[in-house]
């Protein structure tokens, strides 16, 4: 299940971030192996997404879906 429509952004622990589309997908220009991503919600809450990315693949590689654990800030 993708992040809710109220999600606005996906942030990597590095400097990469991207807006989420209506399907809950985002394109990141870089992603580290086994990186934890943050989904930012319009209401100020966030969601941690733990990937199991192996660090391999080109620009068109898709990974996920991933479980999202919501945290209020």
PDB file of N, CA and C in Angstrom:
ATOM      1  N   UNK A   1       0.846  -1.182   0.000  1.00  0.00           N
ATOM      2  CA  UNK A   1       0.000   0.000   0.000  1.00  0.00           C
ATOM      3  C   UNK A   1       0.892   1.247   0.000  1.00  0.00           C
ATOM      4  N   UNK A   2       0.677   2.168  -0.934  1.00  0.00           N
ATOM      5  CA  UNK A   2       1.524   3.356  -1.001  1.00  0.00           C
ATOM      6  C   UNK A   2       1.240   4.319   0.136  1.00  0.00           C
ATOM      7  N   UNK A   3       2.151   5.249   0.376  1.00  0.00           N
ATOM      8  CA  UNK A   3       1.877   6.286   1.372  1.00  0.00           C
ATOM      9  C   UNK A   3       0.619   7.052   0.982  1.00  0.00           C
ATOM     10  N   UNK A   4      -0.115   7.608   1.944  1.00  0.00           N
ATOM     11  CA  UNK A   4      -1.351   8.315   1.622  1.00  0.00           C
ATOM     12  C   UNK A   4      -1.120   9.537   0.737  1.00  0.00           C
ATOM     13  N   UNK A   5      -2.180   9.965   0.060  1.00  0.00           N
ATOM     14  CA  UNK A   5      -2.117  11.111  -0.837  1.00  0.00           C
ATOM     15  C   UNK A   5      -1.629  12.365  -0.107  1.00  0.00           C
ATOM     16  N   UNK A   6      -1.844  12.443   1.198  1.00  0.00           N
ATOM     17  CA  UNK A   6      -1.406  13.612   1.956  1.00  0.00           C
ATOM     18  C   UNK A   6       0.113  13.658   2.131  1.00  0.00           C
ATOM     19  N   UNK A   7       0.813  12.608   1.696  1.00  0.00           N
ATOM     20  CA  UNK A   7       2.274  12.612   1.730  1.00  0.00           C
ATOM     21  C   UNK A   7       2.768  13.618   0.704  1.00  0.00           C
ATOM     22  N   UNK A   8       3.824  14.325   1.045  1.00  0.00           N
ATOM     23  CA  UNK A   8       4.279  15.321   0.092  1.00  0.00           C
ATOM     24  C   UNK A   8       5.699  15.118  -0.399  1.00  0.00           C
ATOM     25  N   UNK A   9       6.529  14.422   0.349  1.00  0.00           N
ATOM     26  CA  UNK A   9       7.932  14.351  -0.036  1.00  0.00           C
ATOM     27  C   UNK A   9       8.598  13.092   0.519  1.00  0.00           C
ATOM     28  N   UNK A  10       9.584  12.595  -0.221  1.00  0.00           N
ATOM     29  CA  UNK A  10      10.399  11.465   0.206  1.00  0.00           C
ATOM     30  C   UNK A  10      11.827  11.977   0.349  1.00  0.00           C
ATOM     31  N   UNK A  11      12.434  11.742   1.496  1.00  0.00           N
ATOM     32  CA  UNK A  11      13.774  12.253   1.796  1.00  0.00           C
ATOM     33  C   UNK A  11      14.691  11.094   2.142  1.00  0.00           C
ATOM     34  N   UNK A  12      15.859  11.040   1.499  1.00  0.00           N
ATOM     35  CA  UNK A  12      16.843  10.029   1.855  1.00  0.00           C
ATOM     36  C   UNK A  12      17.719  10.579   2.966  1.00  0.00           C
ATOM     37  N   UNK A  13      18.494   9.703   3.599  1.00  0.00           N
ATOM     38  CA  UNK A  13      19.379  10.170   4.667  1.00  0.00           C
ATOM     39  C   UNK A  13      20.532  10.991   4.106  1.00  0.00           C
ATOM     40  N   UNK A  14      20.772  10.857   2.805  1.00  0.00           N
ATOM     41  CA  UNK A  14      21.760  11.703   2.137  1.00  0.00           C
ATOM     42  C   UNK A  14      21.089  13.011   1.749  1.00  0.00           C
ATOM     43  N   UNK A  15      21.433  13.525   0.598  1.00  0.00           N
ATOM     44  CA  UNK A  15      20.871  14.807   0.181  1.00  0.00           C
ATOM     45  C   UNK A  15      19.765  14.665  -0.852  1.00  0.00           C
ATOM     46  N   UNK A  16      19.408  13.451  -1.210  1.00  0.00           N
ATOM     47  CA  UNK A  16      18.405  13.234  -2.243  1.00  0.00           C
ATOM     48  C   UNK A  16      16.993  13.321  -1.674  1.00  0.00           C
ATOM     49  N   UNK A  17      16.128  14.043  -2.360  1.00  0.00           N
ATOM     50  CA  UNK A  17      14.719  14.086  -1.981  1.00  0.00           C
ATOM     51  C   UNK A  17      13.893  14.252  -3.245  1.00  0.00           C
ATOM     52  N   UNK A  18      12.611  13.889  -3.154  1.00  0.00           N
ATOM     53  CA  UNK A  18      11.745  13.970  -4.323  1.00  0.00           C
ATOM     54  C   UNK A  18      10.294  14.051  -3.882  1.00  0.00           C
ATOM     55  N   UNK A  19       9.454  14.717  -4.683  1.00  0.00           N
ATOM     56  CA  UNK A  19       8.026  14.731  -4.378  1.00  0.00           C
ATOM     57  C   UNK A  19       7.427  13.350  -4.662  1.00  0.00           C
ATOM     58  N   UNK A  20       6.385  12.994  -3.947  1.00  0.00           N
ATOM     59  CA  UNK A  20       5.667  11.741  -4.189  1.00  0.00           C
ATOM     60  C   UNK A  20       4.544  12.006  -5.181  1.00  0.00           C
ATOM     61  N   UNK A  21       4.347  11.087  -6.107  1.00  0.00           N
ATOM     62  CA  UNK A  21       3.233  11.238  -7.034  1.00  0.00           C
ATOM     63  C   UNK A  21       1.970  10.619  -6.433  1.00  0.00           C
ATOM     64  N   UNK A  22       0.879  10.646  -7.159  1.00  0.00           N
ATOM     65  CA  UNK A  22      -0.408  10.152  -6.636  1.00  0.00           C
ATOM     66  C   UNK A  22      -0.399   8.650  -6.363  1.00  0.00           C
ATOM     67  N   UNK A  23       0.542   7.931  -6.941  1.00  0.00           N
ATOM     68  CA  UNK A  23       0.647   6.486  -6.700  1.00  0.00           C
ATOM     69  C   UNK A  23       1.556   6.173  -5.519  1.00  0.00           C
ATOM     70  N   UNK A  24       2.109   7.221  -4.892  1.00  0.00           N
ATOM     71  CA  UNK A  24       3.015   7.006  -3.776  1.00  0.00           C
ATOM     72  C   UNK A  24       4.414   6.652  -4.211  1.00  0.00           C
ATOM     73  N   UNK A  25       4.772   7.005  -5.443  1.00  0.00           N
ATOM     74  CA  UNK A  25       6.091   6.702  -5.979  1.00  0.00           C
ATOM     75  C   UNK A  25       6.917   7.975  -6.089  1.00  0.00           C
ATOM     76  N   UNK A  26       8.220   7.807  -6.019  1.00  0.00           N
ATOM     77  CA  UNK A  26       9.139   8.933  -6.156  1.00  0.00           C
ATOM     78  C   UNK A  26      10.381   8.457  -6.888  1.00  0.00           C
ATOM     79  N   UNK A  27      11.049   9.390  -7.555  1.00  0.00           N
ATOM     80  CA  UNK A  27      12.301   9.094  -8.226  1.00  0.00           C
ATOM     81  C   UNK A  27      13.424   9.768  -7.450  1.00  0.00           C
ATOM     82  N   UNK A  28      14.331   8.965  -6.911  1.00  0.00           N
ATOM     83  CA  UNK A  28      15.499   9.495  -6.202  1.00  0.00           C
ATOM     84  C   UNK A  28      16.721   9.352  -7.092  1.00  0.00           C
ATOM     85  N   UNK A  29      17.529  10.388  -7.142  1.00  0.00           N
ATOM     86  CA  UNK A  29      18.733  10.354  -7.979  1.00  0.00           C
ATOM     87  C   UNK A  29      19.835   9.502  -7.379  1.00  0.00           C
ATOM     88  N   UNK A  30      19.767   9.255  -6.061  1.00  0.00           N
ATOM     89  CA  UNK A  30      20.744   8.371  -5.423  1.00  0.00           C
ATOM     90  C   UNK A  30      20.091   7.686  -4.235  1.00  0.00           C
ATOM     91  N   UNK A  31      20.556   6.483  -3.963  1.00  0.00           N
ATOM     92  CA  UNK A  31      20.026   5.703  -2.846  1.00  0.00           C
ATOM     93  C   UNK A  31      21.120   4.775  -2.356  1.00  0.00           C
ATOM     94  N   UNK A  32      21.425   4.847  -1.074  1.00  0.00           N
ATOM     95  CA  UNK A  32      22.468   4.001  -0.495  1.00  0.00           C
ATOM     96  C   UNK A  32      21.913   2.611  -0.180  1.00  0.00           C
ATOM     97  N   UNK A  33      22.791   1.666  -0.035  1.00  0.00           N
ATOM     98  CA  UNK A  33      22.401   0.302   0.308  1.00  0.00           C
ATOM     99  C   UNK A  33      21.704   0.284   1.663  1.00  0.00           C
ATOM    100  N   UNK A  34      20.569  -0.416   1.748  1.00  0.00           N
ATOM    101  CA  UNK A  34      19.779  -0.578   2.976  1.00  0.00           C
ATOM    102  C   UNK A  34      19.438   0.760   3.640  1.00  0.00           C
ATOM    103  N   UNK A  35      19.178   1.768   2.851  1.00  0.00           N
ATOM    104  CA  UNK A  35      18.914   3.111   3.370  1.00  0.00           C
ATOM    105  C   UNK A  35      17.528   3.217   4.020  1.00  0.00           C
ATOM    106  N   UNK A  36      17.415   4.083   5.010  1.00  0.00           N
ATOM    107  CA  UNK A  36      16.138   4.410   5.620  1.00  0.00           C
ATOM    108  C   UNK A  36      15.693   5.748   5.063  1.00  0.00           C
ATOM    109  N   UNK A  37      14.484   5.781   4.499  1.00  0.00           N
ATOM    110  CA  UNK A  37      13.928   6.983   3.897  1.00  0.00           C
ATOM    111  C   UNK A  37      12.878   7.581   4.823  1.00  0.00           C
ATOM    112  N   UNK A  38      12.589   8.854   4.649  1.00  0.00           N
ATOM    113  CA  UNK A  38      11.567   9.536   5.426  1.00  0.00           C
ATOM    114  C   UNK A  38      10.519  10.092   4.486  1.00  0.00           C
ATOM    115  N   UNK A  39       9.250   9.750   4.737  1.00  0.00           N
ATOM    116  CA  UNK A  39       8.127  10.333   4.005  1.00  0.00           C
ATOM    117  C   UNK A  39       7.590  11.459   4.872  1.00  0.00           C
ATOM    118  N   UNK A  40       7.526  12.658   4.320  1.00  0.00           N
ATOM    119  CA  UNK A  40       7.017  13.816   5.055  1.00  0.00           C
ATOM    120  C   UNK A  40       5.556  14.037   4.678  1.00  0.00           C
ATOM    121  N   UNK A  41       4.698  14.223   5.689  1.00  0.00           N
ATOM    122  CA  UNK A  41       3.275  14.455   5.467  1.00  0.00           C
ATOM    123  C   UNK A  41       2.956  15.932   5.579  1.00  0.00           C
ATOM    124  N   UNK A  42       1.880  16.344   4.946  1.00  0.00           N
ATOM    125  CA  UNK A  42       1.462  17.747   4.961  1.00  0.00           C
ATOM    126  C   UNK A  42       1.136  18.233   6.369  1.00  0.00           C
ATOM    127  N   UNK A  43       0.727  17.332   7.273  1.00  0.00           N
ATOM    128  CA  UNK A  43       0.356  17.729   8.633  1.00  0.00           C
ATOM    129  C   UNK A  43       1.544  17.810   9.593  1.00  0.00           C
ATOM    130  N   UNK A  44       2.759  17.643   9.067  1.00  0.00           N
ATOM    131  CA  UNK A  44       3.958  17.734   9.895  1.00  0.00           C
ATOM    132  C   UNK A  44       4.453  16.404  10.427  1.00  0.00           C
ATOM    133  N   UNK A  45       3.686  15.343  10.271  1.00  0.00           N
ATOM    134  CA  UNK A  45       4.101  14.006  10.703  1.00  0.00           C
ATOM    135  C   UNK A  45       5.056  13.429   9.657  1.00  0.00           C
ATOM    136  N   UNK A  46       5.687  12.334  10.009  1.00  0.00           N
ATOM    137  CA  UNK A  46       6.580  11.671   9.060  1.00  0.00           C
ATOM    138  C   UNK A  46       6.457  10.166   9.191  1.00  0.00           C
ATOM    139  N   UNK A  47       7.041   9.470   8.268  1.00  0.00           N
ATOM    140  CA  UNK A  47       6.978   8.020   8.200  1.00  0.00           C
ATOM    141  C   UNK A  47       8.358   7.514   7.818  1.00  0.00           C
ATOM    142  N   UNK A  48       8.886   6.552   8.535  1.00  0.00           N
ATOM    143  CA  UNK A  48      10.183   5.951   8.217  1.00  0.00           C
ATOM    144  C   UNK A  48       9.968   4.725   7.334  1.00  0.00           C
ATOM    145  N   UNK A  49      10.739   4.639   6.270  1.00  0.00           N
ATOM    146  CA  UNK A  49      10.659   3.524   5.342  1.00  0.00           C
ATOM    147  C   UNK A  49      12.033   2.872   5.292  1.00  0.00           C
ATOM    148  N   UNK A  50      12.119   1.625   5.729  1.00  0.00           N
ATOM    149  CA  UNK A  50      13.380   0.895   5.749  1.00  0.00           C
ATOM    150  C   UNK A  50      13.489   0.062   4.470  1.00  0.00           C
ATOM    151  N   UNK A  51      14.462   0.389   3.623  1.00  0.00           N
ATOM    152  CA  UNK A  51      14.615  -0.335   2.361  1.00  0.00           C
ATOM    153  C   UNK A  51      15.551  -1.520   2.553  1.00  0.00           C
ATOM    154  N   UNK A  52      15.485  -2.440   1.614  1.00  0.00           N
ATOM    155  CA  UNK A  52      16.432  -3.539   1.550  1.00  0.00           C
ATOM    156  C   UNK A  52      17.099  -3.478   0.187  1.00  0.00           C
ATOM    157  N   UNK A  53      17.550  -2.282  -0.172  1.00  0.00           N
ATOM    158  CA  UNK A  53      18.177  -2.043  -1.461  1.00  0.00           C
ATOM    159  C   UNK A  53      19.590  -2.598  -1.438  1.00  0.00           C
ATOM    160  N   UNK A  54      19.953  -3.343  -2.477  1.00  0.00           N
ATOM    161  CA  UNK A  54      21.280  -3.974  -2.526  1.00  0.00           C
ATOM    162  C   UNK A  54      22.362  -3.055  -3.095  1.00  0.00           C
ATOM    163  N   UNK A  55      21.996  -1.836  -3.476  1.00  0.00           N
ATOM    164  CA  UNK A  55      22.981  -0.894  -3.999  1.00  0.00           C
ATOM    165  C   UNK A  55      23.304  -1.087  -5.466  1.00  0.00           C
ATOM    166  N   UNK A  56      22.608  -1.998  -6.122  1.00  0.00           N
ATOM    167  CA  UNK A  56      22.876  -2.291  -7.527  1.00  0.00           C
ATOM    168  C   UNK A  56      21.703  -1.857  -8.392  1.00  0.00           C
ATOM    169  N   UNK A  57      21.991  -1.567  -9.629  1.00  0.00           N
ATOM    170  CA  UNK A  57      20.925  -1.228 -10.568  1.00  0.00           C
ATOM    171  C   UNK A  57      21.094   0.156 -11.144  1.00  0.00           C
ATOM    172  N   UNK A  58      20.447   0.355 -12.266  1.00  0.00           N
ATOM    173  CA  UNK A  58      20.540   1.622 -12.963  1.00  0.00           C
ATOM    174  C   UNK A  58      19.432   2.583 -12.584  1.00  0.00           C
ATOM    175  N   UNK A  59      19.357   3.662 -13.324  1.00  0.00           N
ATOM    176  CA  UNK A  59      18.410   4.739 -13.035  1.00  0.00           C
ATOM    177  C   UNK A  59      16.957   4.320 -13.164  1.00  0.00           C
ATOM    178  N   UNK A  60      16.690   3.266 -13.911  1.00  0.00           N
ATOM    179  CA  UNK A  60      15.300   2.854 -14.104  1.00  0.00           C
ATOM    180  C   UNK A  60      14.873   1.734 -13.155  1.00  0.00           C
ATOM    181  N   UNK A  61      15.730   1.333 -12.251  1.00  0.00           N
ATOM    182  CA  UNK A  61      15.390   0.239 -11.341  1.00  0.00           C
ATOM    183  C   UNK A  61      14.327   0.677 -10.341  1.00  0.00           C
ATOM    184  N   UNK A  62      13.319  -0.161 -10.156  1.00  0.00           N
ATOM    185  CA  UNK A  62      12.277   0.109  -9.163  1.00  0.00           C
ATOM    186  C   UNK A  62      12.488  -0.802  -7.971  1.00  0.00           C
ATOM    187  N   UNK A  63      12.296  -0.246  -6.796  1.00  0.00           N
ATOM    188  CA  UNK A  63      12.359  -1.050  -5.576  1.00  0.00           C
ATOM    189  C   UNK A  63      11.125  -0.731  -4.749  1.00  0.00           C
ATOM    190  N   UNK A  64      10.748  -1.647  -3.892  1.00  0.00           N
ATOM    191  CA  UNK A  64       9.568  -1.441  -3.067  1.00  0.00           C
ATOM    192  C   UNK A  64       8.413  -2.259  -3.605  1.00  0.00           C
ATOM    193  N   UNK A  65       7.280  -2.186  -3.010  1.00  0.00           N
ATOM    194  CA  UNK A  65       6.881  -1.235  -1.953  1.00  0.00           C
ATOM    195  C   UNK A  65       7.478  -1.603  -0.599  1.00  0.00           C
ATOM    196  N   UNK A  66       7.469  -0.634   0.294  1.00  0.00           N
ATOM    197  CA  UNK A  66       8.019  -0.806   1.626  1.00  0.00           C
ATOM    198  C   UNK A  66       6.987  -0.419   2.675  1.00  0.00           C
ATOM    199  N   UNK A  67       7.065  -1.063   3.832  1.00  0.00           N
ATOM    200  CA  UNK A  67       6.177  -0.730   4.940  1.00  0.00           C
ATOM    201  C   UNK A  67       6.547   0.642   5.495  1.00  0.00           C
ATOM    202  N   UNK A  68       5.546   1.365   5.949  1.00  0.00           N
ATOM    203  CA  UNK A  68       5.735   2.731   6.428  1.00  0.00           C
ATOM    204  C   UNK A  68       5.303   2.806   7.888  1.00  0.00           C
ATOM    205  N   UNK A  69       6.197   3.255   8.758  1.00  0.00           N
ATOM    206  CA  UNK A  69       5.895   3.395  10.182  1.00  0.00           C
ATOM    207  C   UNK A  69       5.761   4.883  10.493  1.00  0.00           C
ATOM    208  N   UNK A  70       4.535   5.334  10.782  1.00  0.00           N
ATOM    209  CA  UNK A  70       4.256   6.753  10.962  1.00  0.00           C
ATOM    210  C   UNK A  70       4.701   7.243  12.340  1.00  0.00           C
ATOM    211  N   UNK A  71       5.302   8.428  12.355  1.00  0.00           N
ATOM    212  CA  UNK A  71       5.748   9.055  13.591  1.00  0.00           C
ATOM    213  C   UNK A  71       5.247  10.492  13.597  1.00  0.00           C
ATOM    214  N   UNK A  72       4.680  10.948  14.712  1.00  0.00           N
ATOM    215  CA  UNK A  72       4.244  12.349  14.815  1.00  0.00           C
ATOM    216  C   UNK A  72       5.366  13.176  15.378  1.00  0.00           C
ATOM    217  N   UNK A  73       5.480  14.404  14.871  1.00  0.00           N
ATOM    218  CA  UNK A  73       6.528  15.313  15.339  1.00  0.00           C
ATOM    219  C   UNK A  73       5.910  16.493  16.040  1.00  0.00           C
TER     220      UNK A  73
END
